[in-house]
Amino acid sequence: QLLLTISEKNELSNSLGMVQKELQEKESEIREISEYQEQLHQAEKDHQAALTEVNQKNEVEIQACQDKMNSLEHFIRSQNMEIERLKSNKEELNNFLKEANQTLGELQKIKVR
């Protein structure tokens, strides 16, 4: 009976040792998975921070481009107004020149007579 009990005790000790070894392996795997999860979480945070920074820079660039476009549109409008003013002045000068030429023609006719 004593030998049987000792044999069972040895078997149980061996089984316990194997279970403890498996448990240690599982704990090691769990620690490894946990470390990978932390690395993944940190990588996601870093990625999000970089994405936020890029978005902010893009917003600034977009606003600068919008401001420049608005400025150019204002410049174009003012140039168009200046062109219209110059056209009007040209037309007035052409009319004045036409009248002056007519008057000159009439004066030359009177002088010839």
PDB file of N, CA and C in Angstrom:
ATOM      1  N   GLN A   1       0.839  -1.191   0.000  1.00  0.00           N
ATOM      2  CA  GLN A   1       0.000   0.000   0.000  1.00  0.00           C
ATOM      3  C   GLN A   1       0.885   1.257   0.000  1.00  0.00           C
ATOM      4  N   LEU A   2       1.942   1.185   0.816  1.00  0.00           N
ATOM      5  CA  LEU A   2       2.850   2.329   0.907  1.00  0.00           C
ATOM      6  C   LEU A   2       3.531   2.573  -0.435  1.00  0.00           C
ATOM      7  N   LEU A   3       3.953   1.508  -1.102  1.00  0.00           N
ATOM      8  CA  LEU A   3       4.604   1.648  -2.407  1.00  0.00           C
ATOM      9  C   LEU A   3       3.631   2.238  -3.438  1.00  0.00           C
ATOM     10  N   LEU A   4       2.400   1.787  -3.384  1.00  0.00           N
ATOM     11  CA  LEU A   4       1.375   2.294  -4.298  1.00  0.00           C
ATOM     12  C   LEU A   4       1.150   3.781  -4.054  1.00  0.00           C
ATOM     13  N   THR A   5       1.095   4.162  -2.815  1.00  0.00           N
ATOM     14  CA  THR A   5       0.868   5.567  -2.463  1.00  0.00           C
ATOM     15  C   THR A   5       2.062   6.406  -2.905  1.00  0.00           C
ATOM     16  N   ILE A   6       3.259   5.870  -2.698  1.00  0.00           N
ATOM     17  CA  ILE A   6       4.467   6.608  -3.119  1.00  0.00           C
ATOM     18  C   ILE A   6       4.479   6.756  -4.634  1.00  0.00           C
ATOM     19  N   SER A   7       4.092   5.715  -5.342  1.00  0.00           N
ATOM     20  CA  SER A   7       4.041   5.740  -6.795  1.00  0.00           C
ATOM     21  C   SER A   7       3.017   6.772  -7.274  1.00  0.00           C
ATOM     22  N   GLU A   8       1.852   6.779  -6.639  1.00  0.00           N
ATOM     23  CA  GLU A   8       0.817   7.765  -6.997  1.00  0.00           C
ATOM     24  C   GLU A   8       1.303   9.178  -6.705  1.00  0.00           C
ATOM     25  N   LYS A   9       2.005   9.309  -5.559  1.00  0.00           N
ATOM     26  CA  LYS A   9       2.536  10.637  -5.186  1.00  0.00           C
ATOM     27  C   LYS A   9       3.534  11.108  -6.237  1.00  0.00           C
ATOM     28  N   ASN A  10       4.402  10.196  -6.694  1.00  0.00           N
ATOM     29  CA  ASN A  10       5.385  10.555  -7.722  1.00  0.00           C
ATOM     30  C   ASN A  10       4.693  10.949  -9.030  1.00  0.00           C
ATOM     31  N   GLU A  11       3.664  10.188  -9.403  1.00  0.00           N
ATOM     32  CA  GLU A  11       2.913  10.518 -10.621  1.00  0.00           C
ATOM     33  C   GLU A  11       2.248  11.889 -10.495  1.00  0.00           C
ATOM     34  N   LEU A  12       1.653  12.124  -9.320  1.00  0.00           N
ATOM     35  CA  LEU A  12       1.001  13.420  -9.096  1.00  0.00           C
ATOM     36  C   LEU A  12       2.029  14.554  -9.100  1.00  0.00           C
ATOM     37  N   SER A  13       3.191  14.299  -8.527  1.00  0.00           N
ATOM     38  CA  SER A  13       4.254  15.317  -8.510  1.00  0.00           C
ATOM     39  C   SER A  13       4.705  15.617  -9.932  1.00  0.00           C
ATOM     40  N   ASN A  14       4.859  14.562 -10.731  1.00  0.00           N
ATOM     41  CA  ASN A  14       5.238  14.761 -12.128  1.00  0.00           C
ATOM     42  C   ASN A  14       4.162  15.539 -12.877  1.00  0.00           C
ATOM     43  N   SER A  15       2.901  15.146 -12.647  1.00  0.00           N
ATOM     44  CA  SER A  15       1.786  15.854 -13.297  1.00  0.00           C
ATOM     45  C   SER A  15       1.750  17.310 -12.861  1.00  0.00           C
ATOM     46  N   LEU A  16       1.942  17.535 -11.564  1.00  0.00           N
ATOM     47  CA  LEU A  16       1.951  18.902 -11.031  1.00  0.00           C
ATOM     48  C   LEU A  16       3.086  19.701 -11.671  1.00  0.00           C
ATOM     49  N   GLY A  17       4.250  19.082 -11.818  1.00  0.00           N
ATOM     50  CA  GLY A  17       5.388  19.754 -12.451  1.00  0.00           C
ATOM     51  C   GLY A  17       5.078  20.128 -13.881  1.00  0.00           C
ATOM     52  N   MET A  18       4.431  19.224 -14.612  1.00  0.00           N
ATOM     53  CA  MET A  18       4.075  19.509 -16.005  1.00  0.00           C
ATOM     54  C   MET A  18       3.042  20.638 -16.077  1.00  0.00           C
ATOM     55  N   VAL A  19       2.064  20.577 -15.166  1.00  0.00           N
ATOM     56  CA  VAL A  19       1.030  21.626 -15.145  1.00  0.00           C
ATOM     57  C   VAL A  19       1.659  22.966 -14.795  1.00  0.00           C
ATOM     58  N   GLN A  20       2.586  22.965 -13.811  1.00  0.00           N
ATOM     59  CA  GLN A  20       3.256  24.219 -13.440  1.00  0.00           C
ATOM     60  C   GLN A  20       4.082  24.757 -14.613  1.00  0.00           C
ATOM     61  N   LYS A  21       4.754  23.860 -15.350  1.00  0.00           N
ATOM     62  CA  LYS A  21       5.539  24.271 -16.512  1.00  0.00           C
ATOM     63  C   LYS A  21       4.630  24.870 -17.590  1.00  0.00           C
ATOM     64  N   GLU A  22       3.490  24.220 -17.852  1.00  0.00           N
ATOM     65  CA  GLU A  22       2.525  24.738 -18.831  1.00  0.00           C
ATOM     66  C   GLU A  22       1.994  26.097 -18.391  1.00  0.00           C
ATOM     67  N   LEU A  23       1.723  26.205 -17.088  1.00  0.00           N
ATOM     68  CA  LEU A  23       1.217  27.466 -16.542  1.00  0.00           C
ATOM     69  C   LEU A  23       2.251  28.576 -16.740  1.00  0.00           C
ATOM     70  N   GLN A  24       3.516  28.282 -16.491  1.00  0.00           N
ATOM     71  CA  GLN A  24       4.569  29.275 -16.698  1.00  0.00           C
ATOM     72  C   GLN A  24       4.663  29.665 -18.173  1.00  0.00           C
ATOM     73  N   GLU A  25       4.530  28.689 -19.060  1.00  0.00           N
ATOM     74  CA  GLU A  25       4.572  28.987 -20.494  1.00  0.00           C
ATOM     75  C   GLU A  25       3.401  29.882 -20.898  1.00  0.00           C
ATOM     76  N   LYS A  26       2.210  29.573 -20.366  1.00  0.00           N
ATOM     77  CA  LYS A  26       1.027  30.387 -20.671  1.00  0.00           C
ATOM     78  C   LYS A  26       1.184  31.805 -20.134  1.00  0.00           C
ATOM     79  N   GLU A  27       1.717  31.919 -18.912  1.00  0.00           N
ATOM     80  CA  GLU A  27       1.936  33.246 -18.328  1.00  0.00           C
ATOM     81  C   GLU A  27       2.927  34.039 -19.171  1.00  0.00           C
ATOM     82  N   SER A  28       3.965  33.344 -19.651  1.00  0.00           N
ATOM     83  CA  SER A  28       4.953  33.997 -20.521  1.00  0.00           C
ATOM     84  C   SER A  28       4.288  34.462 -21.817  1.00  0.00           C
ATOM     85  N   GLU A  29       3.446  33.621 -22.405  1.00  0.00           N
ATOM     86  CA  GLU A  29       2.722  33.999 -23.634  1.00  0.00           C
ATOM     87  C   GLU A  29       1.808  35.189 -23.380  1.00  0.00           C
ATOM     88  N   ILE A  30       1.131  35.169 -22.219  1.00  0.00           N
ATOM     89  CA  ILE A  30       0.227  36.274 -21.880  1.00  0.00           C
ATOM     90  C   ILE A  30       1.020  37.575 -21.733  1.00  0.00           C
ATOM     91  N   ARG A  31       2.193  37.516 -21.069  1.00  0.00           N
ATOM     92  CA  ARG A  31       3.030  38.716 -20.935  1.00  0.00           C
ATOM     93  C   ARG A  31       3.479  39.219 -22.311  1.00  0.00           C
ATOM     94  N   GLU A  32       3.846  38.292 -23.174  1.00  0.00           N
ATOM     95  CA  GLU A  32       4.285  38.653 -24.522  1.00  0.00           C
ATOM     96  C   GLU A  32       3.150  39.313 -25.300  1.00  0.00           C
ATOM     97  N   ILE A  33       1.965  38.734 -25.233  1.00  0.00           N
ATOM     98  CA  ILE A  33       0.792  39.307 -25.909  1.00  0.00           C
ATOM     99  C   ILE A  33       0.489  40.687 -25.351  1.00  0.00           C
ATOM    100  N   SER A  34       0.595  40.816 -24.042  1.00  0.00           N
ATOM    101  CA  SER A  34       0.337  42.106 -23.402  1.00  0.00           C
ATOM    102  C   SER A  34       1.340  43.152 -23.885  1.00  0.00           C
ATOM    103  N   GLU A  35       2.604  42.762 -24.001  1.00  0.00           N
ATOM    104  CA  GLU A  35       3.617  43.695 -24.501  1.00  0.00           C
ATOM    105  C   GLU A  35       3.303  44.105 -25.942  1.00  0.00           C
ATOM    106  N   TYR A  36       2.922  43.138 -26.776  1.00  0.00           N
ATOM    107  CA  TYR A  36       2.562  43.452 -28.156  1.00  0.00           C
ATOM    108  C   TYR A  36       1.359  44.394 -28.213  1.00  0.00           C
ATOM    109  N   GLN A  37       0.400  44.163 -27.331  1.00  0.00           N
ATOM    110  CA  GLN A  37      -0.783  45.039 -27.304  1.00  0.00           C
ATOM    111  C   GLN A  37      -0.381  46.463 -26.908  1.00  0.00           C
ATOM    112  N   GLU A  38       0.525  46.578 -25.937  1.00  0.00           N
ATOM    113  CA  GLU A  38       0.998  47.910 -25.536  1.00  0.00           C
ATOM    114  C   GLU A  38       1.731  48.590 -26.692  1.00  0.00           C
ATOM    115  N   GLN A  39       2.578  47.826 -27.405  1.00  0.00           N
ATOM    116  CA  GLN A  39       3.288  48.390 -28.555  1.00  0.00           C
ATOM    117  C   GLN A  39       2.312  48.827 -29.640  1.00  0.00           C
ATOM    118  N   LEU A  40       1.306  48.013 -29.884  1.00  0.00           N
ATOM    119  CA  LEU A  40       0.290  48.348 -30.876  1.00  0.00           C
ATOM    120  C   LEU A  40      -0.469  49.613 -30.465  1.00  0.00           C
ATOM    121  N   HIS A  41      -0.839  49.689 -29.192  1.00  0.00           N
ATOM    122  CA  HIS A  41      -1.554  50.866 -28.691  1.00  0.00           C
ATOM    123  C   HIS A  41      -0.690  52.119 -28.847  1.00  0.00           C
ATOM    124  N   GLN A  42       0.608  52.000 -28.512  1.00  0.00           N
ATOM    125  CA  GLN A  42       1.509  53.146 -28.646  1.00  0.00           C
ATOM    126  C   GLN A  42       1.665  53.538 -30.119  1.00  0.00           C
ATOM    127  N   ALA A  43       1.774  52.543 -30.989  1.00  0.00           N
ATOM    128  CA  ALA A  43       1.892  52.827 -32.423  1.00  0.00           C
ATOM    129  C   ALA A  43       0.638  53.531 -32.931  1.00  0.00           C
ATOM    130  N   GLU A  44      -0.533  53.105 -32.455  1.00  0.00           N
ATOM    131  CA  GLU A  44      -1.785  53.755 -32.857  1.00  0.00           C
ATOM    132  C   GLU A  44      -1.823  55.200 -32.371  1.00  0.00           C
ATOM    133  N   LYS A  45      -1.367  55.432 -31.127  1.00  0.00           N
ATOM    134  CA  LYS A  45      -1.325  56.795 -30.594  1.00  0.00           C
ATOM    135  C   LYS A  45      -0.374  57.659 -31.408  1.00  0.00           C
ATOM    136  N   ASP A  46       0.808  57.115 -31.723  1.00  0.00           N
ATOM    137  CA  ASP A  46       1.781  57.864 -32.518  1.00  0.00           C
ATOM    138  C   ASP A  46       1.220  58.182 -33.899  1.00  0.00           C
ATOM    139  N   HIS A  47       0.566  57.196 -34.501  1.00  0.00           N
ATOM    140  CA  HIS A  47      -0.034  57.395 -35.825  1.00  0.00           C
ATOM    141  C   HIS A  47      -1.106  58.478 -35.768  1.00  0.00           C
ATOM    142  N   GLN A  48      -1.942  58.434 -34.753  1.00  0.00           N
ATOM    143  CA  GLN A  48      -3.010  59.430 -34.620  1.00  0.00           C
ATOM    144  C   GLN A  48      -2.423  60.824 -34.413  1.00  0.00           C
ATOM    145  N   ALA A  49      -1.358  60.906 -33.608  1.00  0.00           N
ATOM    146  CA  ALA A  49      -0.722  62.207 -33.379  1.00  0.00           C
ATOM    147  C   ALA A  49      -0.130  62.749 -34.679  1.00  0.00           C
ATOM    148  N   ALA A  50       0.518  61.875 -35.445  1.00  0.00           N
ATOM    149  CA  ALA A  50       1.096  62.304 -36.725  1.00  0.00           C
ATOM    150  C   ALA A  50      -0.002  62.735 -37.690  1.00  0.00           C
ATOM    151  N   LEU A  51      -1.091  61.982 -37.702  1.00  0.00           N
ATOM    152  CA  LEU A  51      -2.213  62.318 -38.580  1.00  0.00           C
ATOM    153  C   LEU A  51      -2.814  63.667 -38.197  1.00  0.00           C
ATOM    154  N   THR A  52      -2.961  63.909 -36.919  1.00  0.00           N
ATOM    155  CA  THR A  52      -3.490  65.189 -36.444  1.00  0.00           C
ATOM    156  C   THR A  52      -2.571  66.336 -36.853  1.00  0.00           C
ATOM    157  N   GLU A  53      -1.272  66.117 -36.698  1.00  0.00           N
ATOM    158  CA  GLU A  53      -0.305  67.157 -37.070  1.00  0.00           C
ATOM    159  C   GLU A  53      -0.376  67.459 -38.566  1.00  0.00           C
ATOM    160  N   VAL A  54      -0.436  66.418 -39.381  1.00  0.00           N
ATOM    161  CA  VAL A  54      -0.522  66.610 -40.835  1.00  0.00           C
ATOM    162  C   VAL A  54      -1.818  67.334 -41.194  1.00  0.00           C
ATOM    163  N   ASN A  55      -2.911  66.962 -40.546  1.00  0.00           N
ATOM    164  CA  ASN A  55      -4.194  67.624 -40.824  1.00  0.00           C
ATOM    165  C   ASN A  55      -4.132  69.104 -40.470  1.00  0.00           C
ATOM    166  N   GLN A  56      -3.483  69.424 -39.331  1.00  0.00           N
ATOM    167  CA  GLN A  56      -3.371  70.824 -38.938  1.00  0.00           C
ATOM    168  C   GLN A  56      -2.529  71.604 -39.943  1.00  0.00           C
ATOM    169  N   LYS A  57      -1.420  70.997 -40.399  1.00  0.00           N
ATOM    170  CA  LYS A  57      -0.585  71.675 -41.395  1.00  0.00           C
ATOM    171  C   LYS A  57      -1.365  71.884 -42.686  1.00  0.00           C
ATOM    172  N   ASN A  58      -2.130  70.879 -43.081  1.00  0.00           N
ATOM    173  CA  ASN A  58      -2.939  71.003 -44.294  1.00  0.00           C
ATOM    174  C   ASN A  58      -3.967  72.114 -44.159  1.00  0.00           C
ATOM    175  N   GLU A  59      -4.589  72.210 -42.980  1.00  0.00           N
ATOM    176  CA  GLU A  59      -5.572  73.279 -42.746  1.00  0.00           C
ATOM    177  C   GLU A  59      -4.918  74.650 -42.919  1.00  0.00           C
ATOM    178  N   VAL A  60      -3.701  74.793 -42.365  1.00  0.00           N
ATOM    179  CA  VAL A  60      -2.989  76.070 -42.467  1.00  0.00           C
ATOM    180  C   VAL A  60      -2.669  76.370 -43.935  1.00  0.00           C
ATOM    181  N   GLU A  61      -2.193  75.359 -44.661  1.00  0.00           N
ATOM    182  CA  GLU A  61      -1.871  75.553 -46.080  1.00  0.00           C
ATOM    183  C   GLU A  61      -3.123  75.885 -46.886  1.00  0.00           C
ATOM    184  N   ILE A  62      -4.210  75.205 -46.592  1.00  0.00           N
ATOM    185  CA  ILE A  62      -5.473  75.472 -47.298  1.00  0.00           C
ATOM    186  C   ILE A  62      -5.919  76.902 -47.050  1.00  0.00           C
ATOM    187  N   GLN A  63      -5.809  77.350 -45.794  1.00  0.00           N
ATOM    188  CA  GLN A  63      -6.223  78.716 -45.462  1.00  0.00           C
ATOM    189  C   GLN A  63      -5.326  79.722 -46.175  1.00  0.00           C
ATOM    190  N   ALA A  64      -4.023  79.441 -46.221  1.00  0.00           N
ATOM    191  CA  ALA A  64      -3.095  80.354 -46.907  1.00  0.00           C
ATOM    192  C   ALA A  64      -3.436  80.425 -48.396  1.00  0.00           C
ATOM    193  N   CYS A  65      -3.727  79.280 -48.996  1.00  0.00           N
ATOM    194  CA  CYS A  65      -4.107  79.259 -50.418  1.00  0.00           C
ATOM    195  C   CYS A  65      -5.417  80.004 -50.639  1.00  0.00           C
ATOM    196  N   GLN A  66      -6.365  79.820 -49.736  1.00  0.00           N
ATOM    197  CA  GLN A  66      -7.655  80.516 -49.851  1.00  0.00           C
ATOM    198  C   GLN A  66      -7.443  82.030 -49.764  1.00  0.00           C
ATOM    199  N   ASP A  67      -6.594  82.455 -48.812  1.00  0.00           N
ATOM    200  CA  ASP A  67      -6.312  83.886 -48.673  1.00  0.00           C
ATOM    201  C   ASP A  67      -5.656  84.435 -49.936  1.00  0.00           C
ATOM    202  N   LYS A  68      -4.692  83.672 -50.475  1.00  0.00           N
ATOM    203  CA  LYS A  68      -4.011  84.116 -51.690  1.00  0.00           C
ATOM    204  C   LYS A  68      -4.992  84.199 -52.857  1.00  0.00           C
ATOM    205  N   MET A  69      -5.870  83.207 -52.961  1.00  0.00           N
ATOM    206  CA  MET A  69      -6.863  83.207 -54.026  1.00  0.00           C
ATOM    207  C   MET A  69      -7.797  84.416 -53.894  1.00  0.00           C
ATOM    208  N   ASN A  70      -8.235  84.703 -52.667  1.00  0.00           N
ATOM    209  CA  ASN A  70      -9.096  85.865 -52.447  1.00  0.00           C
ATOM    210  C   ASN A  70      -8.383  87.148 -52.838  1.00  0.00           C
ATOM    211  N   SER A  71      -7.097  87.227 -52.485  1.00  0.00           N
ATOM    212  CA  SER A  71      -6.314  88.409 -52.823  1.00  0.00           C
ATOM    213  C   SER A  71      -6.192  88.557 -54.343  1.00  0.00           C
ATOM    214  N   LEU A  72      -5.929  87.445 -55.032  1.00  0.00           N
ATOM    215  CA  LEU A  72      -5.820  87.493 -56.486  1.00  0.00           C
ATOM    216  C   LEU A  72      -7.155  87.854 -57.138  1.00  0.00           C
ATOM    217  N   GLU A  73      -8.243  87.339 -56.588  1.00  0.00           N
ATOM    218  CA  GLU A  73      -9.561  87.685 -57.136  1.00  0.00           C
ATOM    219  C   GLU A  73      -9.819  89.185 -56.988  1.00  0.00           C
ATOM    220  N   HIS A  74      -9.441  89.736 -55.836  1.00  0.00           N
ATOM    221  CA  HIS A  74      -9.605  91.179 -55.615  1.00  0.00           C
ATOM    222  C   HIS A  74      -8.743  91.965 -56.608  1.00  0.00           C
ATOM    223  N   PHE A  75      -7.512  91.495 -56.803  1.00  0.00           N
ATOM    224  CA  PHE A  75      -6.600  92.157 -57.740  1.00  0.00           C
ATOM    225  C   PHE A  75      -7.171  92.123 -59.162  1.00  0.00           C
ATOM    226  N   ILE A  76      -7.699  90.970 -59.556  1.00  0.00           N
ATOM    227  CA  ILE A  76      -8.283  90.829 -60.902  1.00  0.00           C
ATOM    228  C   ILE A  76      -9.476  91.774 -61.067  1.00  0.00           C
ATOM    229  N   ARG A  77     -10.331  91.826 -60.030  1.00  0.00           N
ATOM    230  CA  ARG A  77     -11.484  92.750 -60.112  1.00  0.00           C
ATOM    231  C   ARG A  77     -11.007  94.193 -60.271  1.00  0.00           C
ATOM    232  N   SER A  78      -9.990  94.581 -59.485  1.00  0.00           N
ATOM    233  CA  SER A  78      -9.515  95.968 -59.586  1.00  0.00           C
ATOM    234  C   SER A  78      -8.874  96.225 -60.949  1.00  0.00           C
ATOM    235  N   GLN A  79      -8.159  95.224 -61.483  1.00  0.00           N
ATOM    236  CA  GLN A  79      -7.558  95.388 -62.812  1.00  0.00           C
ATOM    237  C   GLN A  79      -8.643  95.489 -63.889  1.00  0.00           C
ATOM    238  N   ASN A  80      -9.701  94.703 -63.759  1.00  0.00           N
ATOM    239  CA  ASN A  80     -10.807  94.785 -64.721  1.00  0.00           C
ATOM    240  C   ASN A  80     -11.467  96.157 -64.674  1.00  0.00           C
ATOM    241  N   MET A  81     -11.624  96.685 -63.457  1.00  0.00           N
ATOM    242  CA  MET A  81     -12.202  98.030 -63.329  1.00  0.00           C
ATOM    243  C   MET A  81     -11.282  99.058 -63.988  1.00  0.00           C
ATOM    244  N   GLU A  82      -9.980  98.910 -63.797  1.00  0.00           N
ATOM    245  CA  GLU A  82      -9.021  99.832 -64.405  1.00  0.00           C
ATOM    246  C   GLU A  82      -9.069  99.725 -65.929  1.00  0.00           C
ATOM    247  N   ILE A  83      -9.188  98.501 -66.441  1.00  0.00           N
ATOM    248  CA  ILE A  83      -9.298  98.301 -67.899  1.00  0.00           C
ATOM    249  C   ILE A  83     -10.542  99.008 -68.434  1.00  0.00           C
ATOM    250  N   GLU A  84     -11.664  98.859 -67.733  1.00  0.00           N
ATOM    251  CA  GLU A  84     -12.905  99.514 -68.168  1.00  0.00           C
ATOM    252  C   GLU A  84     -12.753 101.034 -68.135  1.00  0.00           C
ATOM    253  N   ARG A  85     -12.082 101.545 -67.086  1.00  0.00           N
ATOM    254  CA  ARG A  85     -11.866 102.988 -66.986  1.00  0.00           C
ATOM    255  C   ARG A  85     -10.996 103.472 -68.146  1.00  0.00           C
ATOM    256  N   LEU A  86      -9.942 102.709 -68.463  1.00  0.00           N
ATOM    257  CA  LEU A  86      -9.048 103.092 -69.560  1.00  0.00           C
ATOM    258  C   LEU A  86      -9.764 103.015 -70.905  1.00  0.00           C
ATOM    259  N   LYS A  87     -10.638 102.010 -71.079  1.00  0.00           N
ATOM    260  CA  LYS A  87     -11.423 101.916 -72.314  1.00  0.00           C
ATOM    261  C   LYS A  87     -12.311 103.140 -72.471  1.00  0.00           C
ATOM    262  N   SER A  88     -12.934 103.531 -71.356  1.00  0.00           N
ATOM    263  CA  SER A  88     -13.820 104.697 -71.395  1.00  0.00           C
ATOM    264  C   SER A  88     -13.015 105.952 -71.734  1.00  0.00           C
ATOM    265  N   ASN A  89     -11.847 106.107 -71.110  1.00  0.00           N
ATOM    266  CA  ASN A  89     -10.988 107.260 -71.410  1.00  0.00           C
ATOM    267  C   ASN A  89     -10.551 107.247 -72.874  1.00  0.00           C
ATOM    268  N   LYS A  90     -10.220 106.056 -73.369  1.00  0.00           N
ATOM    269  CA  LYS A  90      -9.800 105.932 -74.774  1.00  0.00           C
ATOM    270  C   LYS A  90     -10.932 106.375 -75.694  1.00  0.00           C
ATOM    271  N   GLU A  91     -12.154 105.915 -75.368  1.00  0.00           N
ATOM    272  CA  GLU A  91     -13.305 106.287 -76.193  1.00  0.00           C
ATOM    273  C   GLU A  91     -13.515 107.797 -76.158  1.00  0.00           C
ATOM    274  N   GLU A  92     -13.411 108.394 -74.979  1.00  0.00           N
ATOM    275  CA  GLU A  92     -13.561 109.852 -74.875  1.00  0.00           C
ATOM    276  C   GLU A  92     -12.487 110.569 -75.688  1.00  0.00           C
ATOM    277  N   LEU A  93     -11.237 110.065 -75.562  1.00  0.00           N
ATOM    278  CA  LEU A  93     -10.143 110.694 -76.314  1.00  0.00           C
ATOM    279  C   LEU A  93     -10.334 110.533 -77.821  1.00  0.00           C
ATOM    280  N   ASN A  94     -10.807 109.349 -78.243  1.00  0.00           N
ATOM    281  CA  ASN A  94     -11.067 109.133 -79.672  1.00  0.00           C
ATOM    282  C   ASN A  94     -12.145 110.090 -80.168  1.00  0.00           C
ATOM    283  N   ASN A  95     -13.196 110.260 -79.352  1.00  0.00           N
ATOM    284  CA  ASN A  95     -14.260 111.205 -79.734  1.00  0.00           C
ATOM    285  C   ASN A  95     -13.711 112.625 -79.814  1.00  0.00           C
ATOM    286  N   PHE A  96     -12.900 112.981 -78.818  1.00  0.00           N
ATOM    287  CA  PHE A  96     -12.305 114.318 -78.814  1.00  0.00           C
ATOM    288  C   PHE A  96     -11.408 114.507 -80.029  1.00  0.00           C
ATOM    289  N   LEU A  97     -10.588 113.451 -80.343  1.00  0.00           N
ATOM    290  CA  LEU A  97      -9.698 113.514 -81.496  1.00  0.00           C
ATOM    291  C   LEU A  97     -10.508 113.641 -82.800  1.00  0.00           C
ATOM    292  N   LYS A  98     -11.608 112.896 -82.872  1.00  0.00           N
ATOM    293  CA  LYS A  98     -12.466 112.956 -84.064  1.00  0.00           C
ATOM    294  C   LYS A  98     -13.022 114.369 -84.236  1.00  0.00           C
ATOM    295  N   GLU A  99     -13.515 114.949 -83.133  1.00  0.00           N
ATOM    296  CA  GLU A  99     -14.042 116.314 -83.184  1.00  0.00           C
ATOM    297  C   GLU A  99     -12.937 117.300 -83.564  1.00  0.00           C
ATOM    298  N   ALA A 100     -11.748 117.110 -82.988  1.00  0.00           N
ATOM    299  CA  ALA A 100     -10.634 118.027 -83.285  1.00  0.00           C
ATOM    300  C   ALA A 100     -10.251 117.927 -84.754  1.00  0.00           C
ATOM    301  N   ASN A 101     -10.237 116.694 -85.278  1.00  0.00           N
ATOM    302  CA  ASN A 101      -9.907 116.519 -86.702  1.00  0.00           C
ATOM    303  C   ASN A 101     -10.972 117.163 -87.591  1.00  0.00           C
ATOM    304  N   GLN A 102     -12.240 117.030 -87.169  1.00  0.00           N
ATOM    305  CA  GLN A 102     -13.308 117.665 -87.948  1.00  0.00           C
ATOM    306  C   GLN A 102     -13.137 119.186 -87.924  1.00  0.00           C
ATOM    307  N   THR A 103     -12.867 119.702 -86.741  1.00  0.00           N
ATOM    308  CA  THR A 103     -12.676 121.148 -86.609  1.00  0.00           C
ATOM    309  C   THR A 103     -11.472 121.593 -87.435  1.00  0.00           C
ATOM    310  N   LEU A 104     -10.385 120.799 -87.372  1.00  0.00           N
ATOM    311  CA  LEU A 104      -9.192 121.111 -88.154  1.00  0.00           C
ATOM    312  C   LEU A 104      -9.518 121.097 -89.644  1.00  0.00           C
ATOM    313  N   GLY A 105     -10.295 120.103 -90.045  1.00  0.00           N
ATOM    314  CA  GLY A 105     -10.694 120.020 -91.458  1.00  0.00           C
ATOM    315  C   GLY A 105     -11.497 121.235 -91.871  1.00  0.00           C
ATOM    316  N   GLU A 106     -12.423 121.629 -91.022  1.00  0.00           N
ATOM    317  CA  GLU A 106     -13.244 122.802 -91.327  1.00  0.00           C
ATOM    318  C   GLU A 106     -12.389 124.066 -91.388  1.00  0.00           C
ATOM    319  N   LEU A 107     -11.436 124.183 -90.442  1.00  0.00           N
ATOM    320  CA  LEU A 107     -10.556 125.365 -90.417  1.00  0.00           C
ATOM    321  C   LEU A 107      -9.683 125.394 -91.658  1.00  0.00           C
ATOM    322  N   GLN A 108      -9.234 124.212 -92.097  1.00  0.00           N
ATOM    323  CA  GLN A 108      -8.391 124.153 -93.300  1.00  0.00           C
ATOM    324  C   GLN A 108      -9.220 124.559 -94.531  1.00  0.00           C
ATOM    325  N   LYS A 109     -10.486 124.133 -94.568  1.00  0.00           N
ATOM    326  CA  LYS A 109     -11.348 124.533 -95.693  1.00  0.00           C
ATOM    327  C   LYS A 109     -11.530 126.026 -95.698  1.00  0.00           C
ATOM    328  N   ILE A 110     -11.774 126.605 -94.528  1.00  0.00           N
ATOM    329  CA  ILE A 110     -11.982 128.056 -94.433  1.00  0.00           C
ATOM    330  C   ILE A 110     -10.709 128.780 -94.850  1.00  0.00           C
ATOM    331  N   LYS A 111      -9.523 128.268 -94.446  1.00  0.00           N
ATOM    332  CA  LYS A 111      -8.244 128.870 -94.757  1.00  0.00           C
ATOM    333  C   LYS A 111      -7.980 128.823 -96.259  1.00  0.00           C
ATOM    334  N   VAL A 112      -8.363 127.716 -96.892  1.00  0.00           N
ATOM    335  CA  VAL A 112      -8.128 127.545 -98.317  1.00  0.00           C
ATOM    336  C   VAL A 112      -8.970 128.562 -99.096  1.00  0.00           C
ATOM    337  N   ARG A 113     -10.144 128.873 -98.659  1.00  0.00           N
ATOM    338  CA  ARG A 113     -11.057 129.768 -99.390  1.00  0.00           C
ATOM    339  C   ARG A 113     -10.527 131.121 -99.380  1.00  0.00           C
TER     340      ARG A 113
END
